Amino acid sequence: MTATTTARTKSPVRRRLFLGLGVLLVLLIGYAVYAIARPTVLRTEIEIDATPEQVWKVLADRAAYPEWNPFIVSSAGELRAGATITNVLRDTNGKTTEFAPKLLAVDPGRELRWVGKIGVGGVFDGEHAFRIEALPGGRSRLVQEEVFRGVAVPFTTGMLRDTIEPQFHAMNRALAERAAR
């Protein structure tokens, strides 16, 4: 009788434990889906007194980045869709970060786009794009945008807005000045 009584007393405890673990698992999965489905987007743009071809020439001349670029201070590797490049970024605090994104689009005069991931996919992914649009009078609009997705992104949104987004603006201004020469 004692063994049966002990087994019966543990059964409700085990059920509650498994129920609690199940609820926790559902909450974690729900959070992960929410964090991945609801990205953080940084988007900047600038109008430039240069043609899309002139803007592209500055953007694609990555060997010259150390001379003028306050944000991407170094970039190496072949500009070809599917290739992996190596970039070194500098945030507003002066901290540099090296990463190796995969190029998704290389369309001269129109678009340069890559995706970088920290850890396995879905933890902290960023798809960065430079889009160049032709404007009347031989001018251009440069749109620099990054879409961040992943379970770690909600915890970094403030930091991204404070230390990365200002660098998008700084790079846009520097690129505009260089392309207009």
N, C-alpha and C. Protein backbone atom coordinates (compact mmCIF):
# COMPACT_ATOMS: atom_id res chain seq x y z
N MET A 1 0.80 -1.19 0.00
CA MET A 1 0.00 0.00 0.00
C MET A 1 0.84 1.26 0.00
N THR A 2 1.94 1.22 0.70
CA THR A 2 2.77 2.40 0.79
C THR A 2 3.33 2.76 -0.58
N ALA A 3 3.78 1.77 -1.35
CA ALA A 3 4.34 2.04 -2.68
C ALA A 3 3.28 2.63 -3.59
N THR A 4 2.05 2.12 -3.53
CA THR A 4 0.97 2.64 -4.36
C THR A 4 0.59 4.06 -3.94
N THR A 5 0.54 4.32 -2.67
CA THR A 5 0.22 5.65 -2.18
C THR A 5 1.29 6.64 -2.61
N THR A 6 2.57 6.27 -2.52
CA THR A 6 3.66 7.15 -2.94
C THR A 6 3.58 7.44 -4.43
N ALA A 7 3.30 6.43 -5.24
CA ALA A 7 3.20 6.62 -6.69
C ALA A 7 2.07 7.57 -7.02
N ARG A 8 0.94 7.44 -6.31
CA ARG A 8 -0.19 8.33 -6.58
C ARG A 8 0.12 9.77 -6.18
N THR A 9 0.87 9.98 -5.11
CA THR A 9 1.18 11.35 -4.68
C THR A 9 2.16 12.00 -5.67
N LYS A 10 3.05 11.25 -6.25
CA LYS A 10 4.03 11.83 -7.19
C LYS A 10 3.38 12.12 -8.54
N SER A 11 2.37 11.39 -8.91
CA SER A 11 1.74 11.55 -10.20
C SER A 11 1.21 12.96 -10.43
N PRO A 12 0.46 13.57 -9.51
CA PRO A 12 0.02 14.95 -9.73
C PRO A 12 1.19 15.94 -9.80
N VAL A 13 2.24 15.69 -9.03
CA VAL A 13 3.42 16.56 -9.06
C VAL A 13 4.08 16.46 -10.42
N ARG A 14 4.22 15.25 -10.92
CA ARG A 14 4.82 15.06 -12.25
C ARG A 14 3.97 15.72 -13.32
N ARG A 15 2.66 15.56 -13.22
CA ARG A 15 1.77 16.18 -14.21
C ARG A 15 1.94 17.70 -14.21
N ARG A 16 1.99 18.30 -13.03
CA ARG A 16 2.18 19.75 -12.95
C ARG A 16 3.53 20.17 -13.51
N LEU A 17 4.54 19.37 -13.21
CA LEU A 17 5.88 19.67 -13.73
C LEU A 17 5.89 19.62 -15.25
N PHE A 18 5.34 18.54 -15.83
CA PHE A 18 5.30 18.42 -17.29
C PHE A 18 4.41 19.51 -17.91
N LEU A 19 3.31 19.83 -17.25
CA LEU A 19 2.44 20.89 -17.74
C LEU A 19 3.20 22.23 -17.72
N GLY A 20 3.89 22.51 -16.63
CA GLY A 20 4.68 23.74 -16.53
C GLY A 20 5.76 23.81 -17.59
N LEU A 21 6.46 22.69 -17.81
CA LEU A 21 7.50 22.65 -18.85
C LEU A 21 6.89 22.83 -20.23
N GLY A 22 5.73 22.24 -20.45
CA GLY A 22 5.03 22.38 -21.73
C GLY A 22 4.63 23.83 -21.99
N VAL A 23 4.08 24.48 -20.97
CA VAL A 23 3.70 25.89 -21.10
C VAL A 23 4.94 26.74 -21.39
N LEU A 24 6.02 26.49 -20.68
CA LEU A 24 7.26 27.23 -20.90
C LEU A 24 7.77 27.03 -22.33
N LEU A 25 7.73 25.80 -22.81
CA LEU A 25 8.17 25.51 -24.18
C LEU A 25 7.30 26.24 -25.20
N VAL A 26 6.00 26.24 -25.01
CA VAL A 26 5.09 26.94 -25.92
C VAL A 26 5.39 28.44 -25.91
N LEU A 27 5.62 29.00 -24.72
CA LEU A 27 5.96 30.43 -24.63
C LEU A 27 7.27 30.75 -25.34
N LEU A 28 8.28 29.90 -25.17
CA LEU A 28 9.56 30.12 -25.84
C LEU A 28 9.42 30.03 -27.35
N ILE A 29 8.69 29.06 -27.82
CA ILE A 29 8.48 28.92 -29.27
C ILE A 29 7.70 30.13 -29.79
N GLY A 30 6.67 30.53 -29.06
CA GLY A 30 5.90 31.71 -29.46
C GLY A 30 6.76 32.95 -29.53
N TYR A 31 7.64 33.14 -28.54
CA TYR A 31 8.54 34.30 -28.54
C TYR A 31 9.48 34.24 -29.75
N ALA A 32 10.04 33.06 -30.02
CA ALA A 32 10.97 32.92 -31.15
C ALA A 32 10.26 33.26 -32.47
N VAL A 33 9.06 32.76 -32.66
CA VAL A 33 8.31 33.05 -33.89
C VAL A 33 8.03 34.55 -33.98
N TYR A 34 7.60 35.15 -32.86
CA TYR A 34 7.32 36.59 -32.83
C TYR A 34 8.58 37.39 -33.18
N ALA A 35 9.70 37.06 -32.55
CA ALA A 35 10.94 37.81 -32.76
C ALA A 35 11.45 37.69 -34.19
N ILE A 36 11.27 36.55 -34.80
CA ILE A 36 11.73 36.36 -36.17
C ILE A 36 10.77 37.01 -37.16
N ALA A 37 9.47 36.92 -36.89
CA ALA A 37 8.47 37.45 -37.81
C ALA A 37 8.35 38.97 -37.74
N ARG A 38 8.75 39.57 -36.63
CA ARG A 38 8.63 41.02 -36.46
C ARG A 38 10.03 41.63 -36.41
N PRO A 39 10.58 41.99 -37.57
CA PRO A 39 11.96 42.47 -37.61
C PRO A 39 12.11 43.91 -37.11
N THR A 40 13.35 44.27 -36.80
CA THR A 40 13.73 45.65 -36.53
C THR A 40 14.37 46.17 -37.82
N VAL A 41 13.91 47.31 -38.29
CA VAL A 41 14.40 47.86 -39.56
C VAL A 41 15.05 49.22 -39.30
N LEU A 42 16.29 49.36 -39.77
CA LEU A 42 16.97 50.66 -39.80
C LEU A 42 16.99 51.09 -41.26
N ARG A 43 16.47 52.27 -41.55
CA ARG A 43 16.39 52.73 -42.94
C ARG A 43 16.77 54.20 -43.00
N THR A 44 17.72 54.51 -43.87
CA THR A 44 18.14 55.89 -44.09
C THR A 44 18.19 56.14 -45.59
N GLU A 45 18.12 57.39 -45.98
CA GLU A 45 18.27 57.73 -47.39
C GLU A 45 18.83 59.13 -47.52
N ILE A 46 19.43 59.35 -48.69
CA ILE A 46 20.01 60.66 -48.98
C ILE A 46 19.94 60.89 -50.49
N GLU A 47 19.70 62.13 -50.88
CA GLU A 47 19.75 62.49 -52.29
C GLU A 47 21.16 62.99 -52.59
N ILE A 48 21.68 62.56 -53.74
CA ILE A 48 23.08 62.82 -54.08
C ILE A 48 23.16 63.51 -55.44
N ASP A 49 24.02 64.51 -55.53
CA ASP A 49 24.26 65.22 -56.78
C ASP A 49 25.26 64.44 -57.64
N ALA A 50 24.85 63.23 -58.02
CA ALA A 50 25.68 62.36 -58.87
C ALA A 50 24.76 61.31 -59.48
N THR A 51 25.18 60.78 -60.60
CA THR A 51 24.39 59.74 -61.27
C THR A 51 24.48 58.42 -60.50
N PRO A 52 23.55 57.51 -60.74
CA PRO A 52 23.66 56.19 -60.10
C PRO A 52 24.99 55.50 -60.39
N GLU A 53 25.52 55.70 -61.60
CA GLU A 53 26.81 55.08 -61.95
C GLU A 53 27.94 55.66 -61.11
N GLN A 54 27.91 56.98 -60.87
CA GLN A 54 28.95 57.60 -60.04
C GLN A 54 28.83 57.14 -58.58
N VAL A 55 27.62 57.01 -58.09
CA VAL A 55 27.40 56.53 -56.72
C VAL A 55 27.90 55.10 -56.60
N TRP A 56 27.57 54.27 -57.60
CA TRP A 56 28.01 52.88 -57.57
C TRP A 56 29.53 52.79 -57.58
N LYS A 57 30.16 53.63 -58.38
CA LYS A 57 31.63 53.60 -58.47
C LYS A 57 32.25 53.80 -57.09
N VAL A 58 31.72 54.74 -56.30
CA VAL A 58 32.23 54.98 -54.95
C VAL A 58 31.90 53.81 -54.04
N LEU A 59 30.66 53.32 -54.11
CA LEU A 59 30.23 52.21 -53.26
C LEU A 59 31.02 50.94 -53.54
N ALA A 60 31.32 50.69 -54.81
CA ALA A 60 32.01 49.45 -55.19
C ALA A 60 33.52 49.52 -55.01
N ASP A 61 34.08 50.71 -54.87
CA ASP A 61 35.53 50.87 -54.66
C ASP A 61 35.86 50.67 -53.18
N ARG A 62 35.76 49.44 -52.74
CA ARG A 62 35.92 49.14 -51.32
C ARG A 62 37.35 49.30 -50.82
N ALA A 63 38.32 49.26 -51.73
CA ALA A 63 39.72 49.49 -51.32
C ALA A 63 39.90 50.91 -50.79
N ALA A 64 39.04 51.84 -51.23
CA ALA A 64 39.15 53.24 -50.80
C ALA A 64 38.34 53.53 -49.53
N TYR A 65 37.59 52.57 -49.02
CA TYR A 65 36.77 52.82 -47.83
C TYR A 65 37.55 53.43 -46.66
N PRO A 66 38.77 52.98 -46.36
CA PRO A 66 39.48 53.59 -45.22
C PRO A 66 39.70 55.09 -45.39
N GLU A 67 39.70 55.59 -46.62
CA GLU A 67 39.92 57.02 -46.88
C GLU A 67 38.72 57.88 -46.52
N TRP A 68 37.52 57.34 -46.64
CA TRP A 68 36.34 58.20 -46.51
C TRP A 68 35.20 57.62 -45.68
N ASN A 69 35.13 56.30 -45.52
CA ASN A 69 33.94 55.67 -44.95
C ASN A 69 34.04 55.57 -43.42
N PRO A 70 33.19 56.28 -42.69
CA PRO A 70 33.24 56.23 -41.23
C PRO A 70 32.57 54.99 -40.63
N PHE A 71 31.81 54.27 -41.44
CA PHE A 71 31.04 53.13 -40.93
C PHE A 71 31.67 51.79 -41.33
N ILE A 72 31.76 51.53 -42.62
CA ILE A 72 32.41 50.30 -43.10
C ILE A 72 33.86 50.69 -43.39
N VAL A 73 34.73 50.44 -42.43
CA VAL A 73 36.10 50.93 -42.53
C VAL A 73 36.98 50.01 -43.36
N SER A 74 36.47 48.81 -43.66
CA SER A 74 37.22 47.87 -44.49
C SER A 74 36.23 46.88 -45.10
N SER A 75 36.46 46.53 -46.36
CA SER A 75 35.61 45.54 -47.03
C SER A 75 36.45 44.86 -48.10
N ALA A 76 36.45 43.54 -48.07
CA ALA A 76 37.26 42.79 -49.03
C ALA A 76 36.49 41.57 -49.52
N GLY A 77 36.86 41.13 -50.70
CA GLY A 77 36.23 39.96 -51.30
C GLY A 77 35.57 40.35 -52.61
N GLU A 78 35.31 39.34 -53.42
CA GLU A 78 34.75 39.56 -54.76
C GLU A 78 33.29 40.00 -54.66
N LEU A 79 32.95 41.08 -55.40
CA LEU A 79 31.56 41.54 -55.46
C LEU A 79 30.81 40.70 -56.51
N ARG A 80 30.28 39.58 -56.04
CA ARG A 80 29.54 38.66 -56.92
C ARG A 80 28.47 38.00 -56.06
N ALA A 81 27.24 38.00 -56.56
CA ALA A 81 26.15 37.36 -55.81
C ALA A 81 26.55 35.92 -55.48
N GLY A 82 26.34 35.54 -54.23
CA GLY A 82 26.71 34.21 -53.76
C GLY A 82 28.06 34.16 -53.07
N ALA A 83 28.89 35.19 -53.30
CA ALA A 83 30.22 35.22 -52.68
C ALA A 83 30.11 35.71 -51.23
N THR A 84 31.13 35.39 -50.45
CA THR A 84 31.23 35.88 -49.08
C THR A 84 32.31 36.94 -49.04
N ILE A 85 32.00 38.07 -48.41
CA ILE A 85 32.97 39.15 -48.27
C ILE A 85 33.29 39.31 -46.78
N THR A 86 34.31 40.10 -46.50
CA THR A 86 34.68 40.40 -45.11
C THR A 86 34.58 41.90 -44.90
N ASN A 87 33.75 42.30 -43.95
CA ASN A 87 33.56 43.71 -43.63
C ASN A 87 34.00 43.98 -42.20
N VAL A 88 34.53 45.17 -41.99
CA VAL A 88 34.82 45.65 -40.64
C VAL A 88 33.99 46.92 -40.46
N LEU A 89 33.10 46.91 -39.45
CA LEU A 89 32.24 48.04 -39.16
C LEU A 89 32.74 48.78 -37.93
N ARG A 90 32.49 50.09 -37.91
CA ARG A 90 32.80 50.89 -36.73
C ARG A 90 31.51 51.55 -36.27
N ASP A 91 31.17 51.35 -34.97
CA ASP A 91 29.96 51.98 -34.44
C ASP A 91 30.28 53.37 -33.90
N THR A 92 29.29 54.05 -33.35
CA THR A 92 29.49 55.42 -32.87
C THR A 92 30.40 55.48 -31.66
N ASN A 93 30.61 54.35 -30.99
CA ASN A 93 31.53 54.31 -29.85
C ASN A 93 32.96 54.03 -30.27
N GLY A 94 33.19 53.84 -31.57
CA GLY A 94 34.53 53.54 -32.07
C GLY A 94 34.85 52.05 -32.05
N LYS A 95 33.92 51.22 -31.59
CA LYS A 95 34.15 49.78 -31.54
C LYS A 95 34.02 49.19 -32.95
N THR A 96 34.99 48.34 -33.31
CA THR A 96 34.93 47.69 -34.62
C THR A 96 34.49 46.24 -34.47
N THR A 97 33.79 45.78 -35.50
CA THR A 97 33.30 44.41 -35.55
C THR A 97 33.56 43.87 -36.95
N GLU A 98 34.15 42.70 -37.02
CA GLU A 98 34.38 42.05 -38.31
C GLU A 98 33.35 40.95 -38.49
N PHE A 99 32.80 40.88 -39.70
CA PHE A 99 31.88 39.79 -40.01
C PHE A 99 31.98 39.46 -41.48
N ALA A 100 31.48 38.30 -41.85
CA ALA A 100 31.60 37.80 -43.21
C ALA A 100 30.21 37.49 -43.79
N PRO A 101 29.56 38.50 -44.36
CA PRO A 101 28.23 38.28 -44.93
C PRO A 101 28.30 37.64 -46.32
N LYS A 102 27.19 37.03 -46.69
CA LYS A 102 27.04 36.44 -48.03
C LYS A 102 26.30 37.45 -48.90
N LEU A 103 26.86 37.71 -50.09
CA LEU A 103 26.24 38.66 -51.02
C LEU A 103 25.00 38.04 -51.66
N LEU A 104 23.89 38.75 -51.56
CA LEU A 104 22.63 38.29 -52.15
C LEU A 104 22.37 38.93 -53.51
N ALA A 105 22.81 40.20 -53.66
CA ALA A 105 22.59 40.92 -54.93
C ALA A 105 23.74 41.88 -55.18
N VAL A 106 24.23 41.85 -56.40
CA VAL A 106 25.25 42.80 -56.86
C VAL A 106 24.78 43.26 -58.23
N ASP A 107 24.13 44.42 -58.26
CA ASP A 107 23.56 44.94 -59.50
C ASP A 107 24.12 46.35 -59.70
N PRO A 108 25.23 46.47 -60.46
CA PRO A 108 25.91 47.76 -60.61
C PRO A 108 24.95 48.91 -60.95
N GLY A 109 25.10 50.00 -60.20
CA GLY A 109 24.28 51.17 -60.41
C GLY A 109 22.90 51.08 -59.77
N ARG A 110 22.57 49.93 -59.16
CA ARG A 110 21.22 49.76 -58.61
C ARG A 110 21.19 49.22 -57.18
N GLU A 111 21.93 48.11 -56.91
CA GLU A 111 21.77 47.49 -55.60
C GLU A 111 22.99 46.65 -55.20
N LEU A 112 23.31 46.74 -53.92
CA LEU A 112 24.29 45.86 -53.27
C LEU A 112 23.60 45.39 -51.99
N ARG A 113 23.48 44.06 -51.83
CA ARG A 113 22.74 43.52 -50.69
C ARG A 113 23.41 42.25 -50.19
N TRP A 114 23.47 42.12 -48.85
CA TRP A 114 24.06 40.93 -48.24
C TRP A 114 23.28 40.52 -47.00
N VAL A 115 23.56 39.32 -46.53
CA VAL A 115 23.00 38.86 -45.26
C VAL A 115 24.14 38.37 -44.38
N GLY A 116 24.11 38.82 -43.13
CA GLY A 116 25.08 38.39 -42.14
C GLY A 116 24.34 37.76 -40.98
N LYS A 117 24.95 36.75 -40.38
CA LYS A 117 24.32 36.04 -39.26
C LYS A 117 25.31 35.90 -38.12
N ILE A 118 24.79 36.08 -36.91
CA ILE A 118 25.58 35.79 -35.72
C ILE A 118 25.03 34.49 -35.16
N GLY A 119 25.89 33.50 -35.05
CA GLY A 119 25.43 32.19 -34.61
C GLY A 119 24.67 31.51 -35.72
N VAL A 120 23.85 30.55 -35.34
CA VAL A 120 23.03 29.86 -36.33
C VAL A 120 21.92 30.80 -36.77
N GLY A 121 21.35 30.57 -37.94
CA GLY A 121 20.26 31.41 -38.42
C GLY A 121 19.12 31.48 -37.43
N GLY A 122 18.52 32.66 -37.33
CA GLY A 122 17.39 32.84 -36.44
C GLY A 122 17.75 33.41 -35.09
N VAL A 123 19.05 33.54 -34.79
CA VAL A 123 19.46 34.14 -33.52
C VAL A 123 19.60 35.65 -33.70
N PHE A 124 20.43 36.08 -34.67
CA PHE A 124 20.62 37.49 -34.96
C PHE A 124 21.08 37.58 -36.41
N ASP A 125 20.15 37.85 -37.30
CA ASP A 125 20.42 37.93 -38.73
C ASP A 125 20.17 39.36 -39.20
N GLY A 126 21.02 39.84 -40.09
CA GLY A 126 20.83 41.17 -40.65
C GLY A 126 20.97 41.14 -42.15
N GLU A 127 19.95 41.61 -42.85
CA GLU A 127 20.03 41.73 -44.31
C GLU A 127 20.20 43.21 -44.62
N HIS A 128 21.39 43.56 -45.12
CA HIS A 128 21.78 44.94 -45.38
C HIS A 128 21.66 45.21 -46.87
N ALA A 129 21.12 46.39 -47.22
CA ALA A 129 20.97 46.74 -48.63
C ALA A 129 21.36 48.19 -48.86
N PHE A 130 22.02 48.40 -49.99
CA PHE A 130 22.23 49.74 -50.54
C PHE A 130 21.47 49.73 -51.86
N ARG A 131 20.47 50.60 -51.98
CA ARG A 131 19.73 50.71 -53.23
C ARG A 131 19.93 52.11 -53.78
N ILE A 132 20.21 52.18 -55.07
CA ILE A 132 20.46 53.46 -55.73
C ILE A 132 19.33 53.68 -56.74
N GLU A 133 18.66 54.81 -56.60
CA GLU A 133 17.55 55.15 -57.49
C GLU A 133 17.91 56.40 -58.29
N ALA A 134 17.65 56.37 -59.59
CA ALA A 134 17.89 57.53 -60.44
C ALA A 134 16.84 58.60 -60.17
N LEU A 135 17.29 59.84 -60.10
CA LEU A 135 16.40 60.99 -59.94
C LEU A 135 16.60 61.91 -61.14
N PRO A 136 15.66 62.79 -61.42
CA PRO A 136 15.82 63.73 -62.54
C PRO A 136 17.07 64.59 -62.37
N GLY A 137 17.60 65.03 -63.50
CA GLY A 137 18.74 65.95 -63.49
C GLY A 137 20.06 65.30 -63.16
N GLY A 138 20.21 64.00 -63.41
CA GLY A 138 21.48 63.31 -63.16
C GLY A 138 21.79 63.12 -61.69
N ARG A 139 20.75 63.15 -60.86
CA ARG A 139 20.93 62.94 -59.42
C ARG A 139 20.49 61.53 -59.05
N SER A 140 20.74 61.17 -57.77
CA SER A 140 20.41 59.83 -57.29
C SER A 140 19.88 59.90 -55.86
N ARG A 141 19.17 58.86 -55.50
CA ARG A 141 18.79 58.65 -54.10
C ARG A 141 19.46 57.35 -53.66
N LEU A 142 20.17 57.42 -52.54
CA LEU A 142 20.76 56.22 -51.95
C LEU A 142 19.92 55.86 -50.73
N VAL A 143 19.44 54.62 -50.72
CA VAL A 143 18.72 54.09 -49.57
C VAL A 143 19.61 53.03 -48.95
N GLN A 144 19.92 53.21 -47.68
CA GLN A 144 20.69 52.22 -46.94
C GLN A 144 19.75 51.67 -45.87
N GLU A 145 19.59 50.35 -45.88
CA GLU A 145 18.61 49.73 -44.99
C GLU A 145 19.14 48.40 -44.47
N GLU A 146 18.78 48.09 -43.24
CA GLU A 146 19.09 46.77 -42.70
C GLU A 146 17.86 46.26 -41.96
N VAL A 147 17.52 45.01 -42.26
CA VAL A 147 16.40 44.33 -41.61
C VAL A 147 17.01 43.28 -40.68
N PHE A 148 16.79 43.46 -39.39
CA PHE A 148 17.33 42.55 -38.38
C PHE A 148 16.21 41.60 -37.91
N ARG A 149 16.53 40.30 -37.91
CA ARG A 149 15.59 39.29 -37.44
C ARG A 149 16.32 38.34 -36.51
N GLY A 150 15.57 37.77 -35.58
CA GLY A 150 16.14 36.74 -34.72
C GLY A 150 15.71 36.92 -33.28
N VAL A 151 15.89 35.88 -32.51
CA VAL A 151 15.43 35.89 -31.12
C VAL A 151 16.22 36.87 -30.25
N ALA A 152 17.43 37.22 -30.63
CA ALA A 152 18.23 38.16 -29.84
C ALA A 152 17.98 39.62 -30.22
N VAL A 153 17.34 39.86 -31.35
CA VAL A 153 17.17 41.22 -31.85
C VAL A 153 16.37 42.13 -30.91
N PRO A 154 15.24 41.68 -30.35
CA PRO A 154 14.50 42.60 -29.47
C PRO A 154 15.34 43.14 -28.30
N PHE A 155 16.34 42.40 -27.88
CA PHE A 155 17.18 42.84 -26.77
C PHE A 155 18.23 43.86 -27.20
N THR A 156 18.42 44.04 -28.52
CA THR A 156 19.47 44.92 -29.02
C THR A 156 18.94 46.12 -29.80
N THR A 157 17.63 46.26 -29.91
CA THR A 157 17.05 47.32 -30.75
C THR A 157 17.56 48.70 -30.35
N GLY A 158 17.58 49.01 -29.08
CA GLY A 158 18.06 50.32 -28.62
C GLY A 158 19.50 50.56 -29.00
N MET A 159 20.34 49.55 -28.82
CA MET A 159 21.75 49.67 -29.18
C MET A 159 21.90 49.88 -30.69
N LEU A 160 21.13 49.16 -31.48
CA LEU A 160 21.21 49.30 -32.94
C LEU A 160 20.84 50.73 -33.35
N ARG A 161 19.80 51.26 -32.76
CA ARG A 161 19.36 52.62 -33.10
C ARG A 161 20.36 53.68 -32.62
N ASP A 162 21.00 53.43 -31.49
CA ASP A 162 21.94 54.41 -30.92
C ASP A 162 23.33 54.37 -31.53
N THR A 163 23.82 53.19 -31.89
CA THR A 163 25.22 53.08 -32.32
C THR A 163 25.42 52.70 -33.78
N ILE A 164 24.39 52.15 -34.43
CA ILE A 164 24.54 51.73 -35.83
C ILE A 164 23.82 52.70 -36.78
N GLU A 165 22.58 53.03 -36.48
CA GLU A 165 21.82 53.91 -37.38
C GLU A 165 22.53 55.25 -37.63
N PRO A 166 23.11 55.90 -36.63
CA PRO A 166 23.85 57.14 -36.92
C PRO A 166 25.01 56.91 -37.89
N GLN A 167 25.59 55.73 -37.87
CA GLN A 167 26.68 55.42 -38.80
C GLN A 167 26.17 55.26 -40.23
N PHE A 168 24.93 54.79 -40.39
CA PHE A 168 24.32 54.76 -41.73
C PHE A 168 24.28 56.19 -42.28
N HIS A 169 23.79 57.12 -41.46
CA HIS A 169 23.70 58.53 -41.89
C HIS A 169 25.09 59.09 -42.20
N ALA A 170 26.06 58.80 -41.35
CA ALA A 170 27.43 59.31 -41.57
C ALA A 170 28.01 58.77 -42.87
N MET A 171 27.80 57.48 -43.12
CA MET A 171 28.30 56.88 -44.37
C MET A 171 27.58 57.50 -45.57
N ASN A 172 26.27 57.67 -45.48
CA ASN A 172 25.51 58.25 -46.59
C ASN A 172 26.06 59.63 -46.95
N ARG A 173 26.28 60.47 -45.93
CA ARG A 173 26.80 61.82 -46.18
C ARG A 173 28.20 61.77 -46.80
N ALA A 174 29.05 60.92 -46.28
CA ALA A 174 30.41 60.81 -46.81
C ALA A 174 30.42 60.28 -48.24
N LEU A 175 29.56 59.31 -48.52
CA LEU A 175 29.45 58.78 -49.88
C LEU A 175 28.92 59.84 -50.83
N ALA A 176 27.92 60.58 -50.39
CA ALA A 176 27.35 61.65 -51.23
C ALA A 176 28.41 62.69 -51.58
N GLU A 177 29.19 63.08 -50.59
CA GLU A 177 30.24 64.07 -50.82
C GLU A 177 31.28 63.55 -51.81
N ARG A 178 31.69 62.31 -51.63
CA ARG A 178 32.71 61.74 -52.51
C ARG A 178 32.19 61.55 -53.93
N ALA A 179 30.95 61.09 -54.08
CA ALA A 179 30.38 60.85 -55.41
C ALA A 179 30.13 62.16 -56.16
N ALA A 180 29.82 63.22 -55.44
CA ALA A 180 29.53 64.50 -56.08
C ALA A 180 30.77 65.21 -56.60
N ARG A 181 31.95 64.76 -56.19
CA ARG A 181 33.20 65.40 -56.67
C ARG A 181 33.46 65.14 -58.11
